[in-house]
Amino acid sequence: MASASWQVSGTYFEACNCTSMCPCVVLGNPTEGGCTVLIAWHVDAGHYDGVELDGCNVAFLGASPGNMLKTQWKVALYLDDRATPEQQQALGAIFSGQAGGPLGALAPLVGEVLGVKTVPIEFVAEGTKRRLRVSNLLAMDVAAIEGQGGKPVTIENVPFTPVPGFPAVVARSSGLSVHDHGFDLDISDRNGFYSPFAYQA
């Protein structure tokens, strides 16, 4: 499927277990020794080899035992159960990195694929808040940190990001919950980011 023509765009957000703004994006070590990150995407507009992807949601779970560029990750992918089988196949190719594009650069970092599941995914973006629910397995809520003049804090041009080309809003999580593939995580007041995204190949 890697030779297909495709593009997707929309909004993304993430939360991880780092206690301060995630050092991983500037090639540093996670604040807690290892990093467990949950990433979510909502596709506003997109297509893959003629298959329309508008309105689909995807989530990605990654766990690195140390510096994210120097260790092998365990990863899992979650696909929107409202999508057709053709859409799910396309989403899996794009958001696993198999179809190339920006996420293709993550492939060498993956040491173990824990699985791919088709599940109900609720993605909500309202103002400076983002909310994700993936069945009863995963949940995260983040809100932008208020900066000078009440504006969101942003960072840009970081060397390591799933969304190159866009400034990221720095956020804090009010909850990050992971209960799947042996993970039992319930934390809050940790790192988060959100921004638009656009991928193509």
Protein backbone atom coordinates (compact mmCIF):
# COMPACT_ATOMS: atom_id res chain seq x y z
CA MET A 1 0.00 0.00 0.00
CA ALA A 2 3.01 2.30 0.34
CA SER A 3 2.78 3.45 -3.30
CA ALA A 4 -0.73 4.91 -2.93
CA SER A 5 -1.32 8.65 -3.22
CA TRP A 6 -2.78 10.11 -0.04
CA GLN A 7 -3.16 13.14 2.19
CA VAL A 8 -4.85 13.83 5.51
CA SER A 9 -5.25 16.95 7.62
CA GLY A 10 -7.04 17.88 10.81
CA THR A 11 -6.23 18.30 14.48
CA TYR A 12 -4.05 16.28 16.86
CA PHE A 13 -3.21 16.21 20.54
CA GLU A 14 -1.16 14.14 22.93
CA ALA A 15 -0.32 13.61 26.57
CA CYS A 16 2.51 11.72 28.20
CA ASN A 17 3.88 10.96 31.64
CA CYS A 18 6.57 13.66 31.60
CA THR A 19 6.06 15.99 34.56
CA SER A 20 7.20 19.14 32.76
CA MET A 21 7.08 20.11 29.09
CA CYS A 22 8.29 16.94 27.38
CA PRO A 23 12.09 17.07 26.87
CA CYS A 24 11.78 14.39 24.17
CA VAL A 25 10.78 16.99 21.57
CA VAL A 26 14.20 18.64 21.94
CA LEU A 27 16.03 15.27 22.03
CA GLY A 28 16.30 15.11 25.82
CA ASN A 29 15.54 12.27 28.21
CA PRO A 30 12.01 11.75 29.58
CA THR A 31 11.53 13.27 33.03
CA GLU A 32 10.44 9.92 34.49
CA GLY A 33 13.15 7.77 32.89
CA GLY A 34 10.81 6.36 30.26
CA CYS A 35 7.99 7.94 28.29
CA THR A 36 4.47 6.61 27.79
CA VAL A 37 2.61 8.75 25.27
CA LEU A 38 -0.92 8.70 23.91
CA ILE A 39 -1.50 10.52 20.60
CA ALA A 40 -4.85 11.19 18.92
CA TRP A 41 -5.77 12.49 15.50
CA HIS A 42 -9.10 13.66 14.05
CA VAL A 43 -9.10 13.79 10.26
CA ASP A 44 -11.06 16.79 9.00
CA ALA A 45 -10.26 16.05 5.37
CA GLY A 46 -8.34 13.28 3.70
CA HIS A 47 -8.16 10.50 1.16
CA TYR A 48 -6.06 7.42 0.50
CA ASP A 49 -5.95 6.04 -3.03
CA GLY A 50 -9.53 7.17 -3.65
CA VAL A 51 -10.86 6.25 -0.19
CA GLU A 52 -12.28 9.29 1.63
CA LEU A 53 -11.21 9.62 5.29
CA ASP A 54 -13.08 12.74 6.43
CA GLY A 55 -14.25 12.55 10.05
CA CYS A 56 -12.21 9.50 11.07
CA ASN A 57 -10.35 9.23 14.39
CA VAL A 58 -7.13 7.38 15.23
CA ALA A 59 -5.15 6.89 18.45
CA PHE A 60 -1.59 5.69 19.04
CA LEU A 61 -0.01 4.39 22.24
CA GLY A 62 3.76 4.39 22.53
CA ALA A 63 6.08 3.42 25.37
CA SER A 64 9.83 4.01 25.37
CA PRO A 65 12.04 2.71 28.20
CA GLY A 66 14.42 5.67 27.88
CA ASN A 67 15.39 8.40 25.44
CA MET A 68 12.86 8.09 22.64
CA LEU A 69 15.47 8.28 19.89
CA LYS A 70 17.81 5.75 21.50
CA THR A 71 15.46 2.96 22.57
CA GLN A 72 12.96 0.63 20.96
CA TRP A 73 9.31 1.44 21.59
CA LYS A 74 6.30 -0.71 22.27
CA VAL A 75 3.38 0.63 20.24
CA ALA A 76 -0.32 0.01 19.66
CA LEU A 77 -2.75 1.55 17.16
CA TYR A 78 -6.48 2.15 17.58
CA LEU A 79 -8.76 2.68 14.58
CA ASP A 80 -12.22 4.25 14.47
CA ASP A 81 -14.93 1.58 14.51
CA ARG A 82 -17.22 3.90 12.52
CA ALA A 83 -14.86 3.62 9.55
CA THR A 84 -15.45 1.12 6.75
CA PRO A 85 -12.98 -1.74 6.33
CA GLU A 86 -11.41 0.18 3.41
CA GLN A 87 -11.06 3.29 5.56
CA GLN A 88 -9.60 1.29 8.43
CA GLN A 89 -7.03 -0.26 6.13
CA ALA A 90 -6.07 3.20 4.86
CA LEU A 91 -5.91 4.70 8.37
CA GLY A 92 -3.75 1.80 9.54
CA ALA A 93 -1.31 2.31 6.67
CA ILE A 94 -1.02 6.07 7.24
CA PHE A 95 -0.89 6.27 11.02
CA SER A 96 1.39 3.25 11.49
CA GLY A 97 3.89 4.91 9.14
CA GLN A 98 3.71 2.05 6.63
CA ALA A 99 2.48 4.45 3.94
CA GLY A 100 5.46 6.76 4.39
CA GLY A 101 5.04 10.45 5.08
CA PRO A 102 6.13 12.07 8.37
CA LEU A 103 5.08 9.09 10.51
CA GLY A 104 7.23 6.78 8.40
CA ALA A 105 10.25 8.20 10.20
CA LEU A 106 9.07 6.52 13.41
CA ALA A 107 9.30 3.00 11.98
CA PRO A 108 12.98 2.40 12.93
CA LEU A 109 12.11 3.22 16.57
CA VAL A 110 9.45 0.52 16.90
CA GLY A 111 10.66 -2.60 18.67
CA GLU A 112 7.34 -4.33 19.34
CA VAL A 113 3.86 -3.86 17.89
CA LEU A 114 1.41 -4.72 20.67
CA GLY A 115 -1.58 -4.74 18.35
CA VAL A 116 -4.09 -2.89 16.20
CA LYS A 117 -7.67 -2.60 17.47
CA THR A 118 -10.88 -1.30 15.93
CA VAL A 119 -12.75 0.45 18.72
CA PRO A 120 -15.12 3.36 19.46
CA ILE A 121 -13.08 6.57 19.53
CA GLU A 122 -14.46 9.86 20.80
CA PHE A 123 -12.36 12.92 19.92
CA VAL A 124 -13.55 16.36 21.08
CA ALA A 125 -11.82 19.71 20.45
CA GLU A 126 -13.42 22.73 22.11
CA GLY A 127 -11.51 26.00 22.37
CA THR A 128 -8.28 25.34 24.25
CA LYS A 129 -9.37 21.91 25.51
CA ARG A 130 -9.06 18.45 23.96
CA ARG A 131 -10.71 15.19 25.02
CA LEU A 132 -10.21 11.56 23.93
CA ARG A 133 -12.02 8.37 24.91
CA VAL A 134 -11.07 5.04 23.33
CA SER A 135 -13.64 2.47 24.45
CA ASN A 136 -12.89 1.74 28.12
CA LEU A 137 -9.18 1.38 27.40
CA LEU A 138 -7.69 4.86 26.97
CA ALA A 139 -8.63 8.39 28.01
CA MET A 140 -6.96 11.77 28.04
CA ASP A 141 -7.97 15.37 28.63
CA VAL A 142 -5.67 18.34 28.10
CA ALA A 143 -6.02 22.12 28.19
CA ALA A 144 -3.68 24.82 26.96
CA ILE A 145 -1.40 26.56 29.43
CA GLU A 146 -2.23 30.25 29.59
CA GLY A 147 0.71 32.42 28.65
CA GLN A 148 1.38 36.14 28.37
CA GLY A 149 -1.72 38.22 27.74
CA GLY A 150 -3.88 35.14 28.19
CA LYS A 151 -2.61 33.61 24.96
CA PRO A 152 -1.63 29.92 24.73
CA VAL A 153 2.05 28.99 25.14
CA THR A 154 3.48 27.64 21.89
CA ILE A 155 6.69 26.01 20.70
CA GLU A 156 7.85 25.55 17.12
CA ASN A 157 10.62 24.05 14.99
CA VAL A 158 11.29 21.30 17.53
CA PRO A 159 13.44 18.50 16.05
CA PHE A 160 11.25 15.59 17.21
CA THR A 161 7.48 15.75 16.73
CA PRO A 162 4.66 13.73 15.15
CA VAL A 163 3.38 16.94 13.52
CA PRO A 164 6.21 18.71 11.67
CA GLY A 165 5.46 22.10 10.19
CA PHE A 166 3.10 23.43 12.86
CA PRO A 167 3.67 25.32 16.11
CA ALA A 168 2.41 23.23 19.03
CA VAL A 169 0.32 24.59 21.87
CA VAL A 170 1.78 23.51 25.23
CA ALA A 171 -0.88 21.96 27.43
CA ARG A 172 -1.35 20.16 30.75
CA SER A 173 -3.36 17.02 31.23
CA SER A 174 -6.21 16.81 33.69
CA GLY A 175 -6.17 13.08 33.09
CA LEU A 176 -4.26 10.38 31.22
CA SER A 177 -5.52 6.83 31.57
CA VAL A 178 -4.14 3.73 29.84
CA HIS A 179 -5.54 0.27 30.61
CA ASP A 180 -4.54 -2.01 27.77
CA HIS A 181 -1.68 -4.31 26.74
CA GLY A 182 -0.56 -4.64 30.37
CA PHE A 183 -0.45 -0.90 31.07
CA ASP A 184 -2.22 0.36 34.19
CA LEU A 185 -1.74 4.11 34.17
CA ASP A 186 -3.86 6.84 35.78
CA ILE A 187 -2.05 10.18 36.09
CA SER A 188 -2.77 13.88 35.75
CA ASP A 189 -1.07 17.28 35.63
CA ARG A 190 1.48 16.10 33.10
CA ASN A 191 2.71 17.23 29.67
CA GLY A 192 0.43 17.75 26.68
CA PHE A 193 0.54 19.31 23.21
CA TYR A 194 -1.95 20.04 20.46
CA SER A 195 -1.92 21.53 16.97
CA PRO A 196 -3.26 21.09 13.46
CA PHE A 197 -1.59 18.41 11.35
CA ALA A 198 -1.18 17.72 7.64
CA TYR A 199 0.45 14.60 6.19
CA GLN A 200 0.83 13.43 2.62
CA ALA A 201 2.86 11.12 0.43
